[in-house]
Amino acid sequence: MPEATGPAGTAPSPRSLVPMRHTVFRRLMADEFGEIRAEMIARDHVLSTLGGRTVDQALAAGSDPKEVWRAICDAFDVPWERR
């Protein structure tokens, strides 16, 4: 997956270069979608960008939470300022 860039192809923010913890990922999901919907999305929504897996399956298989968050943001059109 290519390195993330900001709007109009700007350089990635310093935050995008730091590893993301699973707890931070879950908080971002809950903040964006609400706790119940975030859990349902993680459990049930299959993303082709995650190899045809759900969020929970991708994380259990060892995917980087930051890459999973980017896939969620792309799939659900999360605005750039909340990514």
PDB file of N, CA and C in Angstrom:
ATOM      1  N   MET A   1       0.850  -1.169   0.000  1.00  0.00           N
ATOM      2  CA  MET A   1       0.000   0.000   0.000  1.00  0.00           C
ATOM      3  C   MET A   1       0.894   1.230   0.000  1.00  0.00           C
ATOM      4  N   PRO A   2       0.594   2.240  -0.834  1.00  0.00           N
ATOM      5  CA  PRO A   2       1.444   3.422  -0.890  1.00  0.00           C
ATOM      6  C   PRO A   2       1.391   4.219   0.406  1.00  0.00           C
ATOM      7  N   GLU A   3       2.440   4.982   0.630  1.00  0.00           N
ATOM      8  CA  GLU A   3       2.504   5.825   1.827  1.00  0.00           C
ATOM      9  C   GLU A   3       1.385   6.855   1.775  1.00  0.00           C
ATOM     10  N   ALA A   4       0.770   7.121   2.907  1.00  0.00           N
ATOM     11  CA  ALA A   4      -0.340   8.077   2.966  1.00  0.00           C
ATOM     12  C   ALA A   4       0.164   9.481   2.695  1.00  0.00           C
ATOM     13  N   THR A   5      -0.651  10.232   2.010  1.00  0.00           N
ATOM     14  CA  THR A   5      -0.342  11.630   1.791  1.00  0.00           C
ATOM     15  C   THR A   5      -1.540  12.454   2.191  1.00  0.00           C
ATOM     16  N   GLY A   6      -1.303  13.705   2.423  1.00  0.00           N
ATOM     17  CA  GLY A   6      -2.367  14.609   2.806  1.00  0.00           C
ATOM     18  C   GLY A   6      -3.142  15.080   1.588  1.00  0.00           C
ATOM     19  N   PRO A   7      -3.996  16.061   1.788  1.00  0.00           N
ATOM     20  CA  PRO A   7      -4.769  16.603   0.673  1.00  0.00           C
ATOM     21  C   PRO A   7      -3.856  17.088  -0.446  1.00  0.00           C
ATOM     22  N   ALA A   8      -4.272  16.884  -1.655  1.00  0.00           N
ATOM     23  CA  ALA A   8      -3.554  17.336  -2.854  1.00  0.00           C
ATOM     24  C   ALA A   8      -2.130  16.802  -2.919  1.00  0.00           C
ATOM     25  N   GLY A   9      -1.907  15.600  -2.379  1.00  0.00           N
ATOM     26  CA  GLY A   9      -0.606  14.962  -2.492  1.00  0.00           C
ATOM     27  C   GLY A   9       0.480  15.532  -1.602  1.00  0.00           C
ATOM     28  N   THR A  10       0.106  16.267  -0.555  1.00  0.00           N
ATOM     29  CA  THR A  10       1.116  16.810   0.351  1.00  0.00           C
ATOM     30  C   THR A  10       1.785  15.685   1.122  1.00  0.00           C
ATOM     31  N   ALA A  11       2.875  15.981   1.771  1.00  0.00           N
ATOM     32  CA  ALA A  11       3.629  14.976   2.534  1.00  0.00           C
ATOM     33  C   ALA A  11       2.784  14.449   3.688  1.00  0.00           C
ATOM     34  N   PRO A  12       3.053  13.198   4.106  1.00  0.00           N
ATOM     35  CA  PRO A  12       2.307  12.651   5.241  1.00  0.00           C
ATOM     36  C   PRO A  12       2.605  13.441   6.511  1.00  0.00           C
ATOM     37  N   SER A  13       1.628  13.481   7.395  1.00  0.00           N
ATOM     38  CA  SER A  13       1.847  14.159   8.662  1.00  0.00           C
ATOM     39  C   SER A  13       2.773  13.316   9.525  1.00  0.00           C
ATOM     40  N   PRO A  14       3.488  13.922  10.472  1.00  0.00           N
ATOM     41  CA  PRO A  14       4.358  13.141  11.357  1.00  0.00           C
ATOM     42  C   PRO A  14       3.581  12.062  12.098  1.00  0.00           C
ATOM     43  N   ARG A  15       2.310  12.317  12.396  1.00  0.00           N
ATOM     44  CA  ARG A  15       1.478  11.336  13.089  1.00  0.00           C
ATOM     45  C   ARG A  15       1.318  10.075  12.255  1.00  0.00           C
ATOM     46  N   SER A  16       1.314  10.192  10.923  1.00  0.00           N
ATOM     47  CA  SER A  16       1.112   9.025  10.076  1.00  0.00           C
ATOM     48  C   SER A  16       2.319   8.103  10.062  1.00  0.00           C
ATOM     49  N   LEU A  17       3.465   8.566  10.584  1.00  0.00           N
ATOM     50  CA  LEU A  17       4.673   7.756  10.588  1.00  0.00           C
ATOM     51  C   LEU A  17       4.857   6.972  11.887  1.00  0.00           C
ATOM     52  N   VAL A  18       3.995   7.211  12.872  1.00  0.00           N
ATOM     53  CA  VAL A  18       4.089   6.555  14.175  1.00  0.00           C
ATOM     54  C   VAL A  18       3.175   5.328  14.191  1.00  0.00           C
ATOM     55  N   PRO A  19       3.657   4.188  14.725  1.00  0.00           N
ATOM     56  CA  PRO A  19       2.797   3.003  14.796  1.00  0.00           C
ATOM     57  C   PRO A  19       1.535   3.278  15.612  1.00  0.00           C
ATOM     58  N   MET A  20       0.448   2.624  15.242  1.00  0.00           N
ATOM     59  CA  MET A  20      -0.816   2.795  15.940  1.00  0.00           C
ATOM     60  C   MET A  20      -1.088   1.566  16.810  1.00  0.00           C
ATOM     61  N   ARG A  21      -1.505   1.798  18.026  1.00  0.00           N
ATOM     62  CA  ARG A  21      -1.881   0.718  18.929  1.00  0.00           C
ATOM     63  C   ARG A  21      -3.314   0.287  18.638  1.00  0.00           C
ATOM     64  N   HIS A  22      -3.622  -0.956  18.973  1.00  0.00           N
ATOM     65  CA  HIS A  22      -4.976  -1.463  18.794  1.00  0.00           C
ATOM     66  C   HIS A  22      -5.980  -0.643  19.600  1.00  0.00           C
ATOM     67  N   THR A  23      -5.599  -0.214  20.801  1.00  0.00           N
ATOM     68  CA  THR A  23      -6.526   0.574  21.618  1.00  0.00           C
ATOM     69  C   THR A  23      -6.834   1.917  20.974  1.00  0.00           C
ATOM     70  N   VAL A  24      -5.846   2.530  20.334  1.00  0.00           N
ATOM     71  CA  VAL A  24      -6.069   3.798  19.631  1.00  0.00           C
ATOM     72  C   VAL A  24      -6.988   3.554  18.437  1.00  0.00           C
ATOM     73  N   PHE A  25      -6.738   2.463  17.707  1.00  0.00           N
ATOM     74  CA  PHE A  25      -7.585   2.122  16.570  1.00  0.00           C
ATOM     75  C   PHE A  25      -9.040   1.969  17.011  1.00  0.00           C
ATOM     76  N   ARG A  26      -9.283   1.218  18.080  1.00  0.00           N
ATOM     77  CA  ARG A  26     -10.656   0.997  18.564  1.00  0.00           C
ATOM     78  C   ARG A  26     -11.301   2.308  19.006  1.00  0.00           C
ATOM     79  N   ARG A  27     -10.522   3.204  19.620  1.00  0.00           N
ATOM     80  CA  ARG A  27     -11.061   4.496  20.024  1.00  0.00           C
ATOM     81  C   ARG A  27     -11.451   5.329  18.807  1.00  0.00           C
ATOM     82  N   LEU A  28     -10.588   5.334  17.786  1.00  0.00           N
ATOM     83  CA  LEU A  28     -10.908   6.067  16.554  1.00  0.00           C
ATOM     84  C   LEU A  28     -12.183   5.527  15.914  1.00  0.00           C
ATOM     85  N   MET A  29     -12.303   4.201  15.893  1.00  0.00           N
ATOM     86  CA  MET A  29     -13.522   3.589  15.326  1.00  0.00           C
ATOM     87  C   MET A  29     -14.761   4.035  16.101  1.00  0.00           C
ATOM     88  N   ALA A  30     -14.691   3.967  17.430  1.00  0.00           N
ATOM     89  CA  ALA A  30     -15.833   4.348  18.261  1.00  0.00           C
ATOM     90  C   ALA A  30     -16.151   5.834  18.124  1.00  0.00           C
ATOM     91  N   ASP A  31     -15.127   6.663  18.055  1.00  0.00           N
ATOM     92  CA  ASP A  31     -15.349   8.103  17.895  1.00  0.00           C
ATOM     93  C   ASP A  31     -16.009   8.414  16.555  1.00  0.00           C
ATOM     94  N   GLU A  32     -15.616   7.695  15.518  1.00  0.00           N
ATOM     95  CA  GLU A  32     -16.145   7.967  14.180  1.00  0.00           C
ATOM     96  C   GLU A  32     -17.540   7.401  13.970  1.00  0.00           C
ATOM     97  N   PHE A  33     -17.789   6.195  14.464  1.00  0.00           N
ATOM     98  CA  PHE A  33     -19.022   5.490  14.135  1.00  0.00           C
ATOM     99  C   PHE A  33     -19.940   5.240  15.319  1.00  0.00           C
ATOM    100  N   GLY A  34     -19.483   5.518  16.533  1.00  0.00           N
ATOM    101  CA  GLY A  34     -20.223   5.123  17.728  1.00  0.00           C
ATOM    102  C   GLY A  34     -19.805   3.705  18.099  1.00  0.00           C
ATOM    103  N   GLU A  35     -19.864   3.384  19.386  1.00  0.00           N
ATOM    104  CA  GLU A  35     -19.334   2.103  19.842  1.00  0.00           C
ATOM    105  C   GLU A  35     -20.005   0.898  19.196  1.00  0.00           C
ATOM    106  N   ILE A  36     -21.321   0.891  19.158  1.00  0.00           N
ATOM    107  CA  ILE A  36     -22.029  -0.282  18.642  1.00  0.00           C
ATOM    108  C   ILE A  36     -21.803  -0.444  17.146  1.00  0.00           C
ATOM    109  N   ARG A  37     -21.943   0.638  16.392  1.00  0.00           N
ATOM    110  CA  ARG A  37     -21.732   0.529  14.942  1.00  0.00           C
ATOM    111  C   ARG A  37     -20.287   0.178  14.625  1.00  0.00           C
ATOM    112  N   ALA A  38     -19.329   0.729  15.370  1.00  0.00           N
ATOM    113  CA  ALA A  38     -17.918   0.404  15.153  1.00  0.00           C
ATOM    114  C   ALA A  38     -17.678  -1.090  15.341  1.00  0.00           C
ATOM    115  N   GLU A  39     -18.270  -1.672  16.379  1.00  0.00           N
ATOM    116  CA  GLU A  39     -18.129  -3.108  16.616  1.00  0.00           C
ATOM    117  C   GLU A  39     -18.743  -3.912  15.474  1.00  0.00           C
ATOM    118  N   MET A  40     -19.909  -3.473  14.994  1.00  0.00           N
ATOM    119  CA  MET A  40     -20.571  -4.179  13.891  1.00  0.00           C
ATOM    120  C   MET A  40     -19.746  -4.085  12.609  1.00  0.00           C
ATOM    121  N   ILE A  41     -19.210  -2.918  12.320  1.00  0.00           N
ATOM    122  CA  ILE A  41     -18.374  -2.753  11.124  1.00  0.00           C
ATOM    123  C   ILE A  41     -17.145  -3.647  11.224  1.00  0.00           C
ATOM    124  N   ALA A  42     -16.483  -3.626  12.374  1.00  0.00           N
ATOM    125  CA  ALA A  42     -15.272  -4.425  12.560  1.00  0.00           C
ATOM    126  C   ALA A  42     -15.549  -5.919  12.415  1.00  0.00           C
ATOM    127  N   ARG A  43     -16.689  -6.344  12.873  1.00  0.00           N
ATOM    128  CA  ARG A  43     -17.034  -7.761  12.853  1.00  0.00           C
ATOM    129  C   ARG A  43     -17.590  -8.217  11.500  1.00  0.00           C
ATOM    130  N   ASP A  44     -18.369  -7.364  10.831  1.00  0.00           N
ATOM    131  CA  ASP A  44     -19.179  -7.813   9.695  1.00  0.00           C
ATOM    132  C   ASP A  44     -18.798  -7.263   8.334  1.00  0.00           C
ATOM    133  N   HIS A  45     -18.184  -6.102   8.263  1.00  0.00           N
ATOM    134  CA  HIS A  45     -17.939  -5.457   6.964  1.00  0.00           C
ATOM    135  C   HIS A  45     -16.655  -5.995   6.329  1.00  0.00           C
ATOM    136  N   VAL A  46     -16.782  -6.630   5.186  1.00  0.00           N
ATOM    137  CA  VAL A  46     -15.639  -7.190   4.465  1.00  0.00           C
ATOM    138  C   VAL A  46     -15.074  -6.125   3.533  1.00  0.00           C
ATOM    139  N   LEU A  47     -13.768  -5.925   3.617  1.00  0.00           N
ATOM    140  CA  LEU A  47     -13.094  -4.922   2.800  1.00  0.00           C
ATOM    141  C   LEU A  47     -12.145  -5.601   1.831  1.00  0.00           C
ATOM    142  N   SER A  48     -12.285  -5.301   0.555  1.00  0.00           N
ATOM    143  CA  SER A  48     -11.393  -5.896  -0.446  1.00  0.00           C
ATOM    144  C   SER A  48      -9.954  -5.445  -0.221  1.00  0.00           C
ATOM    145  N   THR A  49      -9.759  -4.216   0.282  1.00  0.00           N
ATOM    146  CA  THR A  49      -8.412  -3.709   0.526  1.00  0.00           C
ATOM    147  C   THR A  49      -7.722  -4.419   1.694  1.00  0.00           C
ATOM    148  N   LEU A  50      -8.492  -5.180   2.452  1.00  0.00           N
ATOM    149  CA  LEU A  50      -7.918  -5.985   3.536  1.00  0.00           C
ATOM    150  C   LEU A  50      -7.870  -7.453   3.133  1.00  0.00           C
ATOM    151  N   GLY A  51      -7.833  -7.707   1.848  1.00  0.00           N
ATOM    152  CA  GLY A  51      -7.744  -9.076   1.369  1.00  0.00           C
ATOM    153  C   GLY A  51      -9.048  -9.841   1.501  1.00  0.00           C
ATOM    154  N   GLY A  52     -10.174  -9.129   1.419  1.00  0.00           N
ATOM    155  CA  GLY A  52     -11.472  -9.789   1.537  1.00  0.00           C
ATOM    156  C   GLY A  52     -11.768 -10.234   2.964  1.00  0.00           C
ATOM    157  N   ARG A  53     -11.188  -9.515   3.922  1.00  0.00           N
ATOM    158  CA  ARG A  53     -11.397  -9.849   5.334  1.00  0.00           C
ATOM    159  C   ARG A  53     -12.104  -8.702   6.039  1.00  0.00           C
ATOM    160  N   THR A  54     -12.635  -9.014   7.202  1.00  0.00           N
ATOM    161  CA  THR A  54     -13.195  -7.974   8.059  1.00  0.00           C
ATOM    162  C   THR A  54     -12.052  -7.313   8.828  1.00  0.00           C
ATOM    163  N   VAL A  55     -12.362  -6.225   9.489  1.00  0.00           N
ATOM    164  CA  VAL A  55     -11.378  -5.547  10.333  1.00  0.00           C
ATOM    165  C   VAL A  55     -10.855  -6.509  11.396  1.00  0.00           C
ATOM    166  N   ASP A  56     -11.768  -7.179  12.091  1.00  0.00           N
ATOM    167  CA  ASP A  56     -11.354  -8.103  13.150  1.00  0.00           C
ATOM    168  C   ASP A  56     -10.463  -9.213  12.613  1.00  0.00           C
ATOM    169  N   GLN A  57     -10.804  -9.751  11.449  1.00  0.00           N
ATOM    170  CA  GLN A  57      -9.987 -10.810  10.856  1.00  0.00           C
ATOM    171  C   GLN A  57      -8.613 -10.284  10.463  1.00  0.00           C
ATOM    172  N   ALA A  58      -8.566  -9.097   9.879  1.00  0.00           N
ATOM    173  CA  ALA A  58      -7.286  -8.516   9.454  1.00  0.00           C
ATOM    174  C   ALA A  58      -6.385  -8.245  10.661  1.00  0.00           C
ATOM    175  N   LEU A  59      -6.950  -7.690  11.721  1.00  0.00           N
ATOM    176  CA  LEU A  59      -6.151  -7.422  12.915  1.00  0.00           C
ATOM    177  C   LEU A  59      -5.679  -8.719  13.562  1.00  0.00           C
ATOM    178  N   ALA A  60      -6.548  -9.721  13.613  1.00  0.00           N
ATOM    179  CA  ALA A  60      -6.166 -11.019  14.191  1.00  0.00           C
ATOM    180  C   ALA A  60      -5.053 -11.679  13.382  1.00  0.00           C
ATOM    181  N   ALA A  61      -5.010 -11.392  12.080  1.00  0.00           N
ATOM    182  CA  ALA A  61      -3.983 -11.962  11.207  1.00  0.00           C
ATOM    183  C   ALA A  61      -2.676 -11.167  11.265  1.00  0.00           C
ATOM    184  N   GLY A  62      -2.666 -10.084  12.043  1.00  0.00           N
ATOM    185  CA  GLY A  62      -1.434  -9.321  12.209  1.00  0.00           C
ATOM    186  C   GLY A  62      -1.318  -8.067  11.374  1.00  0.00           C
ATOM    187  N   SER A  63      -2.388  -7.641  10.715  1.00  0.00           N
ATOM    188  CA  SER A  63      -2.333  -6.399   9.935  1.00  0.00           C
ATOM    189  C   SER A  63      -2.080  -5.212  10.855  1.00  0.00           C
ATOM    190  N   ASP A  64      -1.361  -4.230  10.334  1.00  0.00           N
ATOM    191  CA  ASP A  64      -1.069  -3.010  11.073  1.00  0.00           C
ATOM    192  C   ASP A  64      -2.369  -2.231  11.288  1.00  0.00           C
ATOM    193  N   PRO A  65      -2.711  -1.888  12.528  1.00  0.00           N
ATOM    194  CA  PRO A  65      -3.942  -1.132  12.775  1.00  0.00           C
ATOM    195  C   PRO A  65      -4.029   0.163  11.972  1.00  0.00           C
ATOM    196  N   LYS A  66      -2.879   0.798  11.705  1.00  0.00           N
ATOM    197  CA  LYS A  66      -2.895   2.039  10.924  1.00  0.00           C
ATOM    198  C   LYS A  66      -3.356   1.771   9.488  1.00  0.00           C
ATOM    199  N   GLU A  67      -2.895   0.665   8.905  1.00  0.00           N
ATOM    200  CA  GLU A  67      -3.316   0.307   7.548  1.00  0.00           C
ATOM    201  C   GLU A  67      -4.802  -0.052   7.524  1.00  0.00           C
ATOM    202  N   VAL A  68      -5.264  -0.708   8.566  1.00  0.00           N
ATOM    203  CA  VAL A  68      -6.682  -1.059   8.665  1.00  0.00           C
ATOM    204  C   VAL A  68      -7.507   0.212   8.800  1.00  0.00           C
ATOM    205  N   TRP A  69      -7.043   1.163   9.617  1.00  0.00           N
ATOM    206  CA  TRP A  69      -7.753   2.431   9.771  1.00  0.00           C
ATOM    207  C   TRP A  69      -7.829   3.169   8.434  1.00  0.00           C
ATOM    208  N   ARG A  70      -6.739   3.181   7.682  1.00  0.00           N
ATOM    209  CA  ARG A  70      -6.761   3.829   6.362  1.00  0.00           C
ATOM    210  C   ARG A  70      -7.785   3.163   5.442  1.00  0.00           C
ATOM    211  N   ALA A  71      -7.858   1.853   5.493  1.00  0.00           N
ATOM    212  CA  ALA A  71      -8.837   1.138   4.662  1.00  0.00           C
ATOM    213  C   ALA A  71     -10.258   1.509   5.068  1.00  0.00           C
ATOM    214  N   ILE A  72     -10.511   1.596   6.363  1.00  0.00           N
ATOM    215  CA  ILE A  72     -11.832   2.006   6.853  1.00  0.00           C
ATOM    216  C   ILE A  72     -12.141   3.430   6.405  1.00  0.00           C
ATOM    217  N   CYS A  73     -11.176   4.320   6.556  1.00  0.00           N
ATOM    218  CA  CYS A  73     -11.384   5.719   6.165  1.00  0.00           C
ATOM    219  C   CYS A  73     -11.721   5.835   4.682  1.00  0.00           C
ATOM    220  N   ASP A  74     -11.024   5.076   3.849  1.00  0.00           N
ATOM    221  CA  ASP A  74     -11.301   5.104   2.417  1.00  0.00           C
ATOM    222  C   ASP A  74     -12.680   4.522   2.109  1.00  0.00           C
ATOM    223  N   ALA A  75     -13.012   3.420   2.733  1.00  0.00           N
ATOM    224  CA  ALA A  75     -14.283   2.745   2.457  1.00  0.00           C
ATOM    225  C   ALA A  75     -15.487   3.563   2.911  1.00  0.00           C
ATOM    226  N   PHE A  76     -15.328   4.310   3.996  1.00  0.00           N
ATOM    227  CA  PHE A  76     -16.444   5.057   4.561  1.00  0.00           C
ATOM    228  C   PHE A  76     -16.313   6.562   4.369  1.00  0.00           C
ATOM    229  N   ASP A  77     -15.394   6.977   3.490  1.00  0.00           N
ATOM    230  CA  ASP A  77     -15.214   8.401   3.179  1.00  0.00           C
ATOM    231  C   ASP A  77     -15.060   9.276   4.422  1.00  0.00           C
ATOM    232  N   VAL A  78     -14.217   8.824   5.341  1.00  0.00           N
ATOM    233  CA  VAL A  78     -13.944   9.629   6.546  1.00  0.00           C
ATOM    234  C   VAL A  78     -13.157  10.850   6.088  1.00  0.00           C
ATOM    235  N   PRO A  79     -13.588  12.046   6.497  1.00  0.00           N
ATOM    236  CA  PRO A  79     -12.882  13.260   6.092  1.00  0.00           C
ATOM    237  C   PRO A  79     -11.407  13.238   6.507  1.00  0.00           C
ATOM    238  N   TRP A  80     -10.577  13.870   5.709  1.00  0.00           N
ATOM    239  CA  TRP A  80      -9.127  13.860   5.924  1.00  0.00           C
ATOM    240  C   TRP A  80      -8.755  14.286   7.336  1.00  0.00           C
ATOM    241  N   GLU A  81      -9.416  15.318   7.859  1.00  0.00           N
ATOM    242  CA  GLU A  81      -9.032  15.834   9.177  1.00  0.00           C
ATOM    243  C   GLU A  81      -9.300  14.856  10.320  1.00  0.00           C
ATOM    244  N   ARG A  82     -10.063  13.797  10.072  1.00  0.00           N
ATOM    245  CA  ARG A  82     -10.315  12.786  11.112  1.00  0.00           C
ATOM    246  C   ARG A  82      -9.569  11.491  10.849  1.00  0.00           C
ATOM    247  N   ARG A  83      -8.703  11.464   9.867  1.00  0.00           N
ATOM    248  CA  ARG A  83      -7.962  10.235   9.551  1.00  0.00           C
ATOM    249  C   ARG A  83      -6.734  10.106  10.393  1.00  0.00           C
TER     250      ARG A  83
END
